[in-house]
């Protein structure tokens, strides 16, 4: 019996710091997010994700690592700019990495 390849394991892409996908252009309620994650007064760092899907895809994991290296206890990632084409692949990677995805529409 063989094991699943690492890319198919649930937590393969999950960073050591909780990653939370938040709506674009909306101030994230860090206190509410922390409560959902069982954390108290964590240091949240917002990840920079390019509006260019080629750059966003290329730099996604580097941006996660950079946010963690900046002392984040929660990484906030604004939702990607699109949903189709290369954006669909970026969403897939984010959903594998995310601890929590906040509702993106009101």
PDB file of N, CA and C in Angstrom:
ATOM      1  N   UNK A   1       0.850  -1.184   0.000  1.00  0.00           N
ATOM      2  CA  UNK A   1       0.000   0.000   0.000  1.00  0.00           C
ATOM      3  C   UNK A   1       0.890   1.240   0.000  1.00  0.00           C
ATOM      4  N   UNK A   2       0.677   2.129  -0.946  1.00  0.00           N
ATOM      5  CA  UNK A   2       1.519   3.318  -1.035  1.00  0.00           C
ATOM      6  C   UNK A   2       0.839   4.513  -0.371  1.00  0.00           C
ATOM      7  N   UNK A   3       1.671   5.434   0.105  1.00  0.00           N
ATOM      8  CA  UNK A   3       1.152   6.644   0.725  1.00  0.00           C
ATOM      9  C   UNK A   3       0.825   7.670  -0.353  1.00  0.00           C
ATOM     10  N   UNK A   4      -0.067   8.599  -0.028  1.00  0.00           N
ATOM     11  CA  UNK A   4      -0.401   9.677  -0.959  1.00  0.00           C
ATOM     12  C   UNK A   4       0.821  10.568  -1.131  1.00  0.00           C
ATOM     13  N   UNK A   5       0.952  11.147  -2.317  1.00  0.00           N
ATOM     14  CA  UNK A   5       2.068  12.065  -2.530  1.00  0.00           C
ATOM     15  C   UNK A   5       1.877  13.299  -1.657  1.00  0.00           C
ATOM     16  N   UNK A   6       2.977  13.955  -1.243  1.00  0.00           N
ATOM     17  CA  UNK A   6       2.884  15.091  -0.328  1.00  0.00           C
ATOM     18  C   UNK A   6       1.940  16.190  -0.798  1.00  0.00           C
ATOM     19  N   UNK A   7       1.864  16.444  -2.100  1.00  0.00           N
ATOM     20  CA  UNK A   7       0.999  17.497  -2.605  1.00  0.00           C
ATOM     21  C   UNK A   7      -0.482  17.222  -2.416  1.00  0.00           C
ATOM     22  N   UNK A   8      -0.818  15.957  -2.116  1.00  0.00           N
ATOM     23  CA  UNK A   8      -2.224  15.608  -1.906  1.00  0.00           C
ATOM     24  C   UNK A   8      -2.577  15.465  -0.435  1.00  0.00           C
ATOM     25  N   UNK A   9      -1.628  15.632   0.439  1.00  0.00           N
ATOM     26  CA  UNK A   9      -1.914  15.583   1.864  1.00  0.00           C
ATOM     27  C   UNK A   9      -2.552  16.894   2.288  1.00  0.00           C
ATOM     28  N   UNK A  10      -3.514  16.830   3.205  1.00  0.00           N
ATOM     29  CA  UNK A  10      -4.295  17.997   3.589  1.00  0.00           C
ATOM     30  C   UNK A  10      -3.445  19.183   4.014  1.00  0.00           C
ATOM     31  N   UNK A  11      -2.386  18.950   4.806  1.00  0.00           N
ATOM     32  CA  UNK A  11      -1.619  20.062   5.351  1.00  0.00           C
ATOM     33  C   UNK A  11      -0.299  20.309   4.633  1.00  0.00           C
ATOM     34  N   UNK A  12      -0.128  19.739   3.444  1.00  0.00           N
ATOM     35  CA  UNK A  12       1.137  19.892   2.731  1.00  0.00           C
ATOM     36  C   UNK A  12       1.516  21.359   2.523  1.00  0.00           C
ATOM     37  N   UNK A  13       0.558  22.178   2.133  1.00  0.00           N
ATOM     38  CA  UNK A  13       0.854  23.567   1.814  1.00  0.00           C
ATOM     39  C   UNK A  13       0.659  24.502   2.998  1.00  0.00           C
ATOM     40  N   UNK A  14       0.211  23.996   4.135  1.00  0.00           N
ATOM     41  CA  UNK A  14      -0.119  24.850   5.261  1.00  0.00           C
ATOM     42  C   UNK A  14       1.147  25.408   5.910  1.00  0.00           C
ATOM     43  N   UNK A  15       1.236  26.733   6.013  1.00  0.00           N
ATOM     44  CA  UNK A  15       2.399  27.318   6.689  1.00  0.00           C
ATOM     45  C   UNK A  15       2.335  27.055   8.193  1.00  0.00           C
ATOM     46  N   UNK A  16       3.447  27.264   8.892  1.00  0.00           N
ATOM     47  CA  UNK A  16       3.499  27.040  10.341  1.00  0.00           C
ATOM     48  C   UNK A  16       2.621  28.037  11.092  1.00  0.00           C
ATOM     49  N   UNK A  17       2.324  29.171  10.470  1.00  0.00           N
ATOM     50  CA  UNK A  17       1.499  30.226  11.053  1.00  0.00           C
ATOM     51  C   UNK A  17       0.118  30.135  10.413  1.00  0.00           C
ATOM     52  N   UNK A  18      -0.979  30.269  11.183  1.00  0.00           N
ATOM     53  CA  UNK A  18      -2.304  30.211  10.569  1.00  0.00           C
ATOM     54  C   UNK A  18      -2.471  31.256   9.474  1.00  0.00           C
ATOM     55  N   UNK A  19      -2.953  30.809   8.331  1.00  0.00           N
ATOM     56  CA  UNK A  19      -3.206  31.675   7.180  1.00  0.00           C
ATOM     57  C   UNK A  19      -4.714  31.865   7.064  1.00  0.00           C
ATOM     58  N   UNK A  20      -5.150  33.124   7.017  1.00  0.00           N
ATOM     59  CA  UNK A  20      -6.574  33.441   6.918  1.00  0.00           C
ATOM     60  C   UNK A  20      -6.815  34.268   5.660  1.00  0.00           C
ATOM     61  N   UNK A  21      -7.659  33.754   4.769  1.00  0.00           N
ATOM     62  CA  UNK A  21      -8.020  34.493   3.565  1.00  0.00           C
ATOM     63  C   UNK A  21      -9.172  35.425   3.938  1.00  0.00           C
ATOM     64  N   UNK A  22      -8.973  36.709   3.669  1.00  0.00           N
ATOM     65  CA  UNK A  22      -9.953  37.732   4.040  1.00  0.00           C
ATOM     66  C   UNK A  22     -10.453  38.447   2.788  1.00  0.00           C
ATOM     67  N   UNK A  23     -11.650  39.055   2.846  1.00  0.00           N
ATOM     68  CA  UNK A  23     -12.143  39.803   1.685  1.00  0.00           C
ATOM     69  C   UNK A  23     -11.192  40.940   1.318  1.00  0.00           C
ATOM     70  N   UNK A  24     -11.111  41.227   0.029  1.00  0.00           N
ATOM     71  CA  UNK A  24     -10.300  42.361  -0.444  1.00  0.00           C
ATOM     72  C   UNK A  24     -10.965  43.654  -0.017  1.00  0.00           C
ATOM     73  N   UNK A  25     -10.160  44.652   0.239  1.00  0.00           N
ATOM     74  CA  UNK A  25     -10.653  46.004   0.521  1.00  0.00           C
ATOM     75  C   UNK A  25     -11.605  46.090   1.713  1.00  0.00           C
ATOM     76  N   UNK A  26     -11.505  45.146   2.642  1.00  0.00           N
ATOM     77  CA  UNK A  26     -12.307  45.182   3.862  1.00  0.00           C
ATOM     78  C   UNK A  26     -11.355  45.020   5.035  1.00  0.00           C
ATOM     79  N   UNK A  27     -11.485  45.875   6.037  1.00  0.00           N
ATOM     80  CA  UNK A  27     -10.630  45.788   7.230  1.00  0.00           C
ATOM     81  C   UNK A  27     -10.943  44.494   7.976  1.00  0.00           C
ATOM     82  N   UNK A  28      -9.952  43.649   8.148  1.00  0.00           N
ATOM     83  CA  UNK A  28     -10.145  42.380   8.843  1.00  0.00           C
ATOM     84  C   UNK A  28     -10.271  42.620  10.344  1.00  0.00           C
ATOM     85  N   UNK A  29     -11.206  41.932  10.973  1.00  0.00           N
ATOM     86  CA  UNK A  29     -11.402  42.017  12.416  1.00  0.00           C
ATOM     87  C   UNK A  29     -10.483  40.981  13.063  1.00  0.00           C
ATOM     88  N   UNK A  30      -9.266  41.403  13.373  1.00  0.00           N
ATOM     89  CA  UNK A  30      -8.252  40.488  13.896  1.00  0.00           C
ATOM     90  C   UNK A  30      -8.696  39.856  15.209  1.00  0.00           C
ATOM     91  N   UNK A  31      -9.373  40.608  16.060  1.00  0.00           N
ATOM     92  CA  UNK A  31      -9.836  40.067  17.345  1.00  0.00           C
ATOM     93  C   UNK A  31     -10.827  38.921  17.119  1.00  0.00           C
ATOM     94  N   UNK A  32     -11.747  39.096  16.175  1.00  0.00           N
ATOM     95  CA  UNK A  32     -12.725  38.037  15.882  1.00  0.00           C
ATOM     96  C   UNK A  32     -12.043  36.814  15.265  1.00  0.00           C
ATOM     97  N   UNK A  33     -11.090  37.061  14.385  1.00  0.00           N
ATOM     98  CA  UNK A  33     -10.347  35.958  13.771  1.00  0.00           C
ATOM     99  C   UNK A  33      -9.575  35.196  14.844  1.00  0.00           C
ATOM    100  N   UNK A  34      -8.897  35.926  15.720  1.00  0.00           N
ATOM    101  CA  UNK A  34      -8.126  35.297  16.790  1.00  0.00           C
ATOM    102  C   UNK A  34      -9.027  34.443  17.666  1.00  0.00           C
ATOM    103  N   UNK A  35     -10.213  34.946  17.973  1.00  0.00           N
ATOM    104  CA  UNK A  35     -11.161  34.195  18.813  1.00  0.00           C
ATOM    105  C   UNK A  35     -11.543  32.884  18.130  1.00  0.00           C
ATOM    106  N   UNK A  36     -11.806  32.932  16.810  1.00  0.00           N
ATOM    107  CA  UNK A  36     -12.145  31.719  16.062  1.00  0.00           C
ATOM    108  C   UNK A  36     -11.001  30.706  16.097  1.00  0.00           C
ATOM    109  N   UNK A  37      -9.768  31.213  16.110  1.00  0.00           N
ATOM    110  CA  UNK A  37      -8.593  30.335  16.095  1.00  0.00           C
ATOM    111  C   UNK A  37      -8.120  29.961  17.496  1.00  0.00           C
ATOM    112  N   UNK A  38      -8.768  30.516  18.521  1.00  0.00           N
ATOM    113  CA  UNK A  38      -8.371  30.214  19.894  1.00  0.00           C
ATOM    114  C   UNK A  38      -7.095  30.914  20.319  1.00  0.00           C
ATOM    115  N   UNK A  39      -6.807  32.059  19.721  1.00  0.00           N
ATOM    116  CA  UNK A  39      -5.613  32.827  20.052  1.00  0.00           C
ATOM    117  C   UNK A  39      -6.011  34.110  20.778  1.00  0.00           C
ATOM    118  N   UNK A  40      -5.091  34.631  21.580  1.00  0.00           N
ATOM    119  CA  UNK A  40      -5.357  35.887  22.269  1.00  0.00           C
ATOM    120  C   UNK A  40      -4.353  36.938  21.822  1.00  0.00           C
ATOM    121  N   UNK A  41      -4.863  38.053  21.333  1.00  0.00           N
ATOM    122  CA  UNK A  41      -4.056  39.208  20.928  1.00  0.00           C
ATOM    123  C   UNK A  41      -2.837  38.835  20.074  1.00  0.00           C
ATOM    124  N   UNK A  42      -3.051  38.107  18.989  1.00  0.00           N
ATOM    125  CA  UNK A  42      -1.918  37.726  18.141  1.00  0.00           C
ATOM    126  C   UNK A  42      -1.448  38.888  17.273  1.00  0.00           C
ATOM    127  N   UNK A  43      -0.211  38.780  16.828  1.00  0.00           N
ATOM    128  CA  UNK A  43       0.335  39.768  15.882  1.00  0.00           C
ATOM    129  C   UNK A  43      -0.046  39.297  14.482  1.00  0.00           C
ATOM    130  N   UNK A  44      -0.873  40.094  13.815  1.00  0.00           N
ATOM    131  CA  UNK A  44      -1.312  39.756  12.464  1.00  0.00           C
ATOM    132  C   UNK A  44      -0.484  40.527  11.446  1.00  0.00           C
ATOM    133  N   UNK A  45      -0.069  39.847  10.407  1.00  0.00           N
ATOM    134  CA  UNK A  45       0.666  40.462   9.310  1.00  0.00           C
ATOM    135  C   UNK A  45      -0.116  40.194   8.031  1.00  0.00           C
ATOM    136  N   UNK A  46      -0.334  41.251   7.251  1.00  0.00           N
ATOM    137  CA  UNK A  46      -1.040  41.103   5.982  1.00  0.00           C
ATOM    138  C   UNK A  46      -0.043  40.764   4.888  1.00  0.00           C
ATOM    139  N   UNK A  47      -0.334  39.709   4.181  1.00  0.00           N
ATOM    140  CA  UNK A  47       0.509  39.234   3.096  1.00  0.00           C
ATOM    141  C   UNK A  47       0.243  40.078   1.862  1.00  0.00           C
ATOM    142  N   UNK A  48       1.270  40.395   1.120  1.00  0.00           N
ATOM    143  CA  UNK A  48       1.120  41.139  -0.134  1.00  0.00           C
ATOM    144  C   UNK A  48       0.966  40.134  -1.273  1.00  0.00           C
ATOM    145  N   UNK A  49      -0.144  40.205  -1.989  1.00  0.00           N
ATOM    146  CA  UNK A  49      -0.380  39.323  -3.117  1.00  0.00           C
ATOM    147  C   UNK A  49      -0.627  40.195  -4.338  1.00  0.00           C
ATOM    148  N   UNK A  50       0.197  40.046  -5.351  1.00  0.00           N
ATOM    149  CA  UNK A  50       0.119  40.876  -6.557  1.00  0.00           C
ATOM    150  C   UNK A  50      -1.231  40.728  -7.261  1.00  0.00           C
ATOM    151  N   UNK A  51      -1.668  41.789  -7.941  1.00  0.00           N
ATOM    152  CA  UNK A  51      -2.861  41.722  -8.776  1.00  0.00           C
ATOM    153  C   UNK A  51      -2.556  41.076 -10.128  1.00  0.00           C
ATOM    154  N   UNK A  52      -1.281  40.849 -10.405  1.00  0.00           N
ATOM    155  CA  UNK A  52      -0.850  40.161 -11.617  1.00  0.00           C
ATOM    156  C   UNK A  52      -0.802  38.664 -11.287  1.00  0.00           C
ATOM    157  N   UNK A  53      -1.642  37.841 -11.922  1.00  0.00           N
ATOM    158  CA  UNK A  53      -1.695  36.429 -11.545  1.00  0.00           C
ATOM    159  C   UNK A  53      -0.377  35.676 -11.729  1.00  0.00           C
ATOM    160  N   UNK A  54       0.423  36.066 -12.718  1.00  0.00           N
ATOM    161  CA  UNK A  54       1.711  35.393 -12.930  1.00  0.00           C
ATOM    162  C   UNK A  54       2.631  35.658 -11.736  1.00  0.00           C
ATOM    163  N   UNK A  55       2.711  36.920 -11.301  1.00  0.00           N
ATOM    164  CA  UNK A  55       3.536  37.256 -10.134  1.00  0.00           C
ATOM    165  C   UNK A  55       2.964  36.661  -8.859  1.00  0.00           C
ATOM    166  N   UNK A  56       1.651  36.717  -8.714  1.00  0.00           N
ATOM    167  CA  UNK A  56       1.017  36.170  -7.511  1.00  0.00           C
ATOM    168  C   UNK A  56       1.315  34.677  -7.384  1.00  0.00           C
ATOM    169  N   UNK A  57       1.203  33.940  -8.474  1.00  0.00           N
ATOM    170  CA  UNK A  57       1.471  32.498  -8.449  1.00  0.00           C
ATOM    171  C   UNK A  57       2.944  32.225  -8.133  1.00  0.00           C
ATOM    172  N   UNK A  58       3.821  32.997  -8.752  1.00  0.00           N
ATOM    173  CA  UNK A  58       5.254  32.785  -8.582  1.00  0.00           C
ATOM    174  C   UNK A  58       5.710  33.076  -7.150  1.00  0.00           C
ATOM    175  N   UNK A  59       5.104  34.095  -6.523  1.00  0.00           N
ATOM    176  CA  UNK A  59       5.585  34.555  -5.219  1.00  0.00           C
ATOM    177  C   UNK A  59       4.716  34.135  -4.033  1.00  0.00           C
ATOM    178  N   UNK A  60       3.679  33.353  -4.270  1.00  0.00           N
ATOM    179  CA  UNK A  60       2.729  33.007  -3.210  1.00  0.00           C
ATOM    180  C   UNK A  60       3.404  32.435  -1.962  1.00  0.00           C
ATOM    181  N   UNK A  61       4.198  31.386  -2.123  1.00  0.00           N
ATOM    182  CA  UNK A  61       4.812  30.746  -0.952  1.00  0.00           C
ATOM    183  C   UNK A  61       5.896  31.617  -0.335  1.00  0.00           C
ATOM    184  N   UNK A  62       6.616  32.367  -1.159  1.00  0.00           N
ATOM    185  CA  UNK A  62       7.625  33.283  -0.627  1.00  0.00           C
ATOM    186  C   UNK A  62       6.960  34.344   0.242  1.00  0.00           C
ATOM    187  N   UNK A  63       5.797  34.828  -0.180  1.00  0.00           N
ATOM    188  CA  UNK A  63       5.071  35.826   0.611  1.00  0.00           C
ATOM    189  C   UNK A  63       4.586  35.238   1.936  1.00  0.00           C
ATOM    190  N   UNK A  64       4.156  33.972   1.910  1.00  0.00           N
ATOM    191  CA  UNK A  64       3.757  33.307   3.166  1.00  0.00           C
ATOM    192  C   UNK A  64       4.943  33.234   4.122  1.00  0.00           C
ATOM    193  N   UNK A  65       6.090  32.806   3.600  1.00  0.00           N
ATOM    194  CA  UNK A  65       7.299  32.703   4.438  1.00  0.00           C
ATOM    195  C   UNK A  65       7.726  34.075   4.950  1.00  0.00           C
ATOM    196  N   UNK A  66       7.668  35.082   4.079  1.00  0.00           N
ATOM    197  CA  UNK A  66       8.063  36.435   4.464  1.00  0.00           C
ATOM    198  C   UNK A  66       7.170  36.957   5.596  1.00  0.00           C
ATOM    199  N   UNK A  67       5.875  36.725   5.516  1.00  0.00           N
ATOM    200  CA  UNK A  67       4.960  37.167   6.573  1.00  0.00           C
ATOM    201  C   UNK A  67       5.280  36.458   7.885  1.00  0.00           C
ATOM    202  N   UNK A  68       5.569  35.173   7.833  1.00  0.00           N
ATOM    203  CA  UNK A  68       5.917  34.425   9.045  1.00  0.00           C
ATOM    204  C   UNK A  68       7.228  34.941   9.634  1.00  0.00           C
ATOM    205  N   UNK A  69       8.196  35.246   8.768  1.00  0.00           N
ATOM    206  CA  UNK A  69       9.493  35.762   9.232  1.00  0.00           C
ATOM    207  C   UNK A  69       9.367  37.148   9.859  1.00  0.00           C
ATOM    208  N   UNK A  70       8.301  37.882   9.507  1.00  0.00           N
ATOM    209  CA  UNK A  70       8.075  39.206  10.092  1.00  0.00           C
ATOM    210  C   UNK A  70       7.425  39.099  11.476  1.00  0.00           C
ATOM    211  N   UNK A  71       7.295  37.898  12.000  1.00  0.00           N
ATOM    212  CA  UNK A  71       6.777  37.717  13.351  1.00  0.00           C
ATOM    213  C   UNK A  71       5.281  37.526  13.426  1.00  0.00           C
ATOM    214  N   UNK A  72       4.660  37.176  12.328  1.00  0.00           N
ATOM    215  CA  UNK A  72       3.213  36.988  12.326  1.00  0.00           C
ATOM    216  C   UNK A  72       2.816  35.803  13.191  1.00  0.00           C
ATOM    217  N   UNK A  73       1.722  35.968  13.901  1.00  0.00           N
ATOM    218  CA  UNK A  73       1.081  34.852  14.592  1.00  0.00           C
ATOM    219  C   UNK A  73      -0.179  34.447  13.837  1.00  0.00           C
ATOM    220  N   UNK A  74      -0.637  35.360  12.964  1.00  0.00           N
ATOM    221  CA  UNK A  74      -1.698  35.104  11.990  1.00  0.00           C
ATOM    222  C   UNK A  74      -1.270  35.820  10.712  1.00  0.00           C
ATOM    223  N   UNK A  75      -1.376  35.115   9.578  1.00  0.00           N
ATOM    224  CA  UNK A  75      -1.114  35.732   8.287  1.00  0.00           C
ATOM    225  C   UNK A  75      -2.465  36.012   7.640  1.00  0.00           C
ATOM    226  N   UNK A  76      -2.720  37.278   7.338  1.00  0.00           N
ATOM    227  CA  UNK A  76      -3.931  37.673   6.634  1.00  0.00           C
ATOM    228  C   UNK A  76      -3.598  37.768   5.150  1.00  0.00           C
ATOM    229  N   UNK A  77      -4.384  37.111   4.329  1.00  0.00           N
ATOM    230  CA  UNK A  77      -4.170  37.155   2.881  1.00  0.00           C
ATOM    231  C   UNK A  77      -5.428  37.685   2.217  1.00  0.00           C
ATOM    232  N   UNK A  78      -5.366  38.897   1.654  1.00  0.00           N
ATOM    233  CA  UNK A  78      -6.527  39.395   0.913  1.00  0.00           C
ATOM    234  C   UNK A  78      -6.861  38.435  -0.234  1.00  0.00           C
ATOM    235  N   UNK A  79      -8.143  38.218  -0.453  1.00  0.00           N
ATOM    236  CA  UNK A  79      -8.581  37.311  -1.517  1.00  0.00           C
ATOM    237  C   UNK A  79      -7.963  37.720  -2.846  1.00  0.00           C
ATOM    238  N   UNK A  80      -7.574  36.757  -3.663  1.00  0.00           N
ATOM    239  CA  UNK A  80      -7.012  37.073  -4.978  1.00  0.00           C
ATOM    240  C   UNK A  80      -7.972  37.904  -5.823  1.00  0.00           C
ATOM    241  N   UNK A  81      -7.404  38.614  -6.806  1.00  0.00           N
ATOM    242  CA  UNK A  81      -8.164  39.546  -7.635  1.00  0.00           C
ATOM    243  C   UNK A  81      -9.139  38.857  -8.583  1.00  0.00           C
ATOM    244  N   UNK A  82      -8.878  37.618  -8.953  1.00  0.00           N
ATOM    245  CA  UNK A  82      -9.740  36.933  -9.918  1.00  0.00           C
ATOM    246  C   UNK A  82     -10.085  35.531  -9.465  1.00  0.00           C
ATOM    247  N   UNK A  83     -10.873  34.829 -10.310  1.00  0.00           N
ATOM    248  CA  UNK A  83     -11.272  33.466  -9.958  1.00  0.00           C
ATOM    249  C   UNK A  83     -11.024  32.465 -11.083  1.00  0.00           C
ATOM    250  N   UNK A  84     -10.726  32.952 -12.282  1.00  0.00           N
ATOM    251  CA  UNK A  84     -10.554  32.017 -13.384  1.00  0.00           C
ATOM    252  C   UNK A  84      -9.118  32.019 -13.908  1.00  0.00           C
ATOM    253  N   UNK A  85      -8.841  31.113 -14.823  1.00  0.00           N
ATOM    254  CA  UNK A  85      -7.492  31.013 -15.378  1.00  0.00           C
ATOM    255  C   UNK A  85      -6.473  30.689 -14.301  1.00  0.00           C
ATOM    256  N   UNK A  86      -5.367  31.403 -14.309  1.00  0.00           N
ATOM    257  CA  UNK A  86      -4.305  31.182 -13.325  1.00  0.00           C
ATOM    258  C   UNK A  86      -4.789  31.479 -11.910  1.00  0.00           C
ATOM    259  N   UNK A  87      -5.756  32.405 -11.776  1.00  0.00           N
ATOM    260  CA  UNK A  87      -6.304  32.703 -10.441  1.00  0.00           C
ATOM    261  C   UNK A  87      -6.912  31.459  -9.806  1.00  0.00           C
ATOM    262  N   UNK A  88      -7.514  30.580 -10.602  1.00  0.00           N
ATOM    263  CA  UNK A  88      -8.101  29.351 -10.058  1.00  0.00           C
ATOM    264  C   UNK A  88      -7.022  28.491  -9.396  1.00  0.00           C
ATOM    265  N   UNK A  89      -5.850  28.412 -10.009  1.00  0.00           N
ATOM    266  CA  UNK A  89      -4.742  27.653  -9.419  1.00  0.00           C
ATOM    267  C   UNK A  89      -4.256  28.312  -8.125  1.00  0.00           C
ATOM    268  N   UNK A  90      -4.226  29.643  -8.115  1.00  0.00           N
ATOM    269  CA  UNK A  90      -3.807  30.365  -6.904  1.00  0.00           C
ATOM    270  C   UNK A  90      -4.808  30.115  -5.790  1.00  0.00           C
ATOM    271  N   UNK A  91      -6.102  30.185  -6.111  1.00  0.00           N
ATOM    272  CA  UNK A  91      -7.135  29.886  -5.116  1.00  0.00           C
ATOM    273  C   UNK A  91      -6.943  28.475  -4.567  1.00  0.00           C
ATOM    274  N   UNK A  92      -6.667  27.521  -5.446  1.00  0.00           N
ATOM    275  CA  UNK A  92      -6.472  26.136  -5.006  1.00  0.00           C
ATOM    276  C   UNK A  92      -5.333  26.054  -3.996  1.00  0.00           C
ATOM    277  N   UNK A  93      -4.216  26.693  -4.290  1.00  0.00           N
ATOM    278  CA  UNK A  93      -3.071  26.684  -3.372  1.00  0.00           C
ATOM    279  C   UNK A  93      -3.418  27.363  -2.046  1.00  0.00           C
ATOM    280  N   UNK A  94      -4.128  28.492  -2.129  1.00  0.00           N
ATOM    281  CA  UNK A  94      -4.519  29.196  -0.898  1.00  0.00           C
ATOM    282  C   UNK A  94      -5.469  28.352  -0.052  1.00  0.00           C
ATOM    283  N   UNK A  95      -6.412  27.682  -0.690  1.00  0.00           N
ATOM    284  CA  UNK A  95      -7.360  26.877   0.073  1.00  0.00           C
ATOM    285  C   UNK A  95      -6.672  25.700   0.756  1.00  0.00           C
ATOM    286  N   UNK A  96      -5.649  25.140   0.124  1.00  0.00           N
ATOM    287  CA  UNK A  96      -4.870  24.079   0.766  1.00  0.00           C
ATOM    288  C   UNK A  96      -4.079  24.629   1.950  1.00  0.00           C
ATOM    289  N   UNK A  97      -3.598  25.861   1.822  1.00  0.00           N
ATOM    290  CA  UNK A  97      -2.750  26.451   2.861  1.00  0.00           C
ATOM    291  C   UNK A  97      -3.544  27.096   3.988  1.00  0.00           C
ATOM    292  N   UNK A  98      -4.767  27.496   3.712  1.00  0.00           N
ATOM    293  CA  UNK A  98      -5.540  28.291   4.657  1.00  0.00           C
ATOM    294  C   UNK A  98      -6.004  27.502   5.870  1.00  0.00           C
ATOM    295  N   UNK A  99      -5.931  28.164   7.012  1.00  0.00           N
ATOM    296  CA  UNK A  99      -6.524  27.655   8.238  1.00  0.00           C
ATOM    297  C   UNK A  99      -7.992  28.044   8.270  1.00  0.00           C
ATOM    298  N   UNK A 100      -8.287  29.218   7.703  1.00  0.00           N
ATOM    299  CA  UNK A 100      -9.624  29.781   7.745  1.00  0.00           C
ATOM    300  C   UNK A 100      -9.824  30.664   6.509  1.00  0.00           C
ATOM    301  N   UNK A 101     -11.006  30.595   5.917  1.00  0.00           N
ATOM    302  CA  UNK A 101     -11.374  31.477   4.805  1.00  0.00           C
ATOM    303  C   UNK A 101     -12.639  32.208   5.250  1.00  0.00           C
ATOM    304  N   UNK A 102     -12.535  33.528   5.375  1.00  0.00           N
ATOM    305  CA  UNK A 102     -13.693  34.312   5.779  1.00  0.00           C
ATOM    306  C   UNK A 102     -14.643  34.475   4.609  1.00  0.00           C
ATOM    307  N   UNK A 103     -15.938  34.642   4.876  1.00  0.00           N
ATOM    308  CA  UNK A 103     -16.879  34.867   3.773  1.00  0.00           C
ATOM    309  C   UNK A 103     -16.445  36.053   2.925  1.00  0.00           C
ATOM    310  N   UNK A 104     -16.450  35.873   1.623  1.00  0.00           N
ATOM    311  CA  UNK A 104     -15.918  36.892   0.735  1.00  0.00           C
ATOM    312  C   UNK A 104     -16.992  37.811   0.167  1.00  0.00           C
ATOM    313  N   UNK A 105     -18.251  37.528   0.443  1.00  0.00           N
ATOM    314  CA  UNK A 105     -19.319  38.430   0.000  1.00  0.00           C
ATOM    315  C   UNK A 105     -20.257  38.676   1.166  1.00  0.00           C
ATOM    316  N   UNK A 106     -20.909  39.785   1.091  1.00  0.00           N
ATOM    317  CA  UNK A 106     -21.824  40.161   2.191  1.00  0.00           C
ATOM    318  C   UNK A 106     -23.248  39.913   1.796  1.00  0.00           C
TER     319      UNK A 106
END
